[in-house]
Every structure is written in C-alpha cells, then in structure tokens.
C-alpha cells in the first residue's frame, strides 16, 4: 500500500506544470566607435552569439569606417548618435549641437534612422534637449558603467558588470580596445548563462511598454513593479 501511495504522489508531482524562469532583459551599448579591427572583432563575436546591441557612433570615426555602420545595420544592431567630434556638448549652442548630429547623420547608411542621441560623457543641456526634440531623438544615458575605457583589465570590467547588473539595465561599454571587446564578449556569455536576454535599447523600451519621447532622457527600463 505504501508503495502504491508513493508511486501515486510521484506521478502527481511529475504532472504538475513547471513554471519556467522568467527571462531578464538588458541592453549593451557601445560608445565612441567604430574603431576598425576592434569593432569588427566585437561584431563577429556578437553575431556568433546571436546578440544585438546599440552602437553610439562618432562622425569623425564613422568617416574612416563607413562599412562598419552598414554591417551593424545588416546584422540587426541599432545605431545612435554620439556627436561628430566627441566634444562635450554641455556648453555648445543649439547650432553647434545640431551640426554635430547632422554631420554624423550625413555619413550613415541609407535607411538608417537613429532613435537616440547620447551626448559625450552624458553631459546634456537645454540646447541638447532642444536639438534632440527637433530631430526626433531621445537622449540616452545608462544605468551601469564599468569604466572599461579607463580600466584595461577585462576580468575586472566583467566582474563589475556581473556583480551589479539588474533587469532593465542599460550598460555602457566601448569598442575601442582589446580589453573592452574581451570584457564585452565575456559579459555576453555570462549573462546568457544567467537567463538574460540581450536586446537593443529600442527593443528593451518596447518590451517594457515605453514609447520613446523626443528630447526626453532615459537611463534604464525596469519593470513597472520594480519601480514601486
């Protein structure tokens, strides 16, 4: 009798529905490029892993590597503006900020319509907001910065992200050095193992039901219940 009951309860538990762990989402963003071989290496790694990211490009670098912006588009990545010169926009006039955006836009592939402006260093101003609004651009900041441009220890950068990342985060990285690329791909591998889904910033906003507004500033897209 005991064996029959044990078998009954075992079968009952086996037939109970298993609730899959809910995926977490984050967006990896890369500033300052494109940079030639490092950007190519990063794109190769992202393609191998089936991951899409958001690249905030500088016009003066885009002029040297126009093929990389085309490749980014073709492989499903998102492109945004990081200014033409990478100068601090905080004290620029509206005309200067507009020139930074428009001169970069002129170098983008046909059909590329950026949704974001990330001012260098994150330094915004009334002029930046006004130009962003006029050009139908949201202003993009970040919620997690491991300072990979400063710290050339890929392992330390990886640890800084993995120890602090939360659902809905926008991570600030770069594709300007070997250590940054190594860290980025290690971060991707680790997050995929942790059931994170890595998407573009626009996709992250869409998943969270956020309609991006021109001139408005964004730094993360957590779940609404996480804001309570």
Foldseek 3Di string as FASTA:
>chain_A
DVVVVVVVVVVVVVPDDDDDDDFFEEAEEAEEDDDPPLLVLLVVLCLVVVFEHEYAYAQCRCVVPVVSLVVNVVSPHAYHHAFHPLDACQPPALVRRLCRRVSSVVSHDPPHQHQAYEYRVNRDYPSNLVSQQVSNHEYEDWDAELPCVVDLQLVSSLCSCVVDDDGFTYYYFHSHDPSRSSNVSVNVVVSVVVRYGYHYPVVSCVVQVHDGHGSHYDHTRHHPVVVD
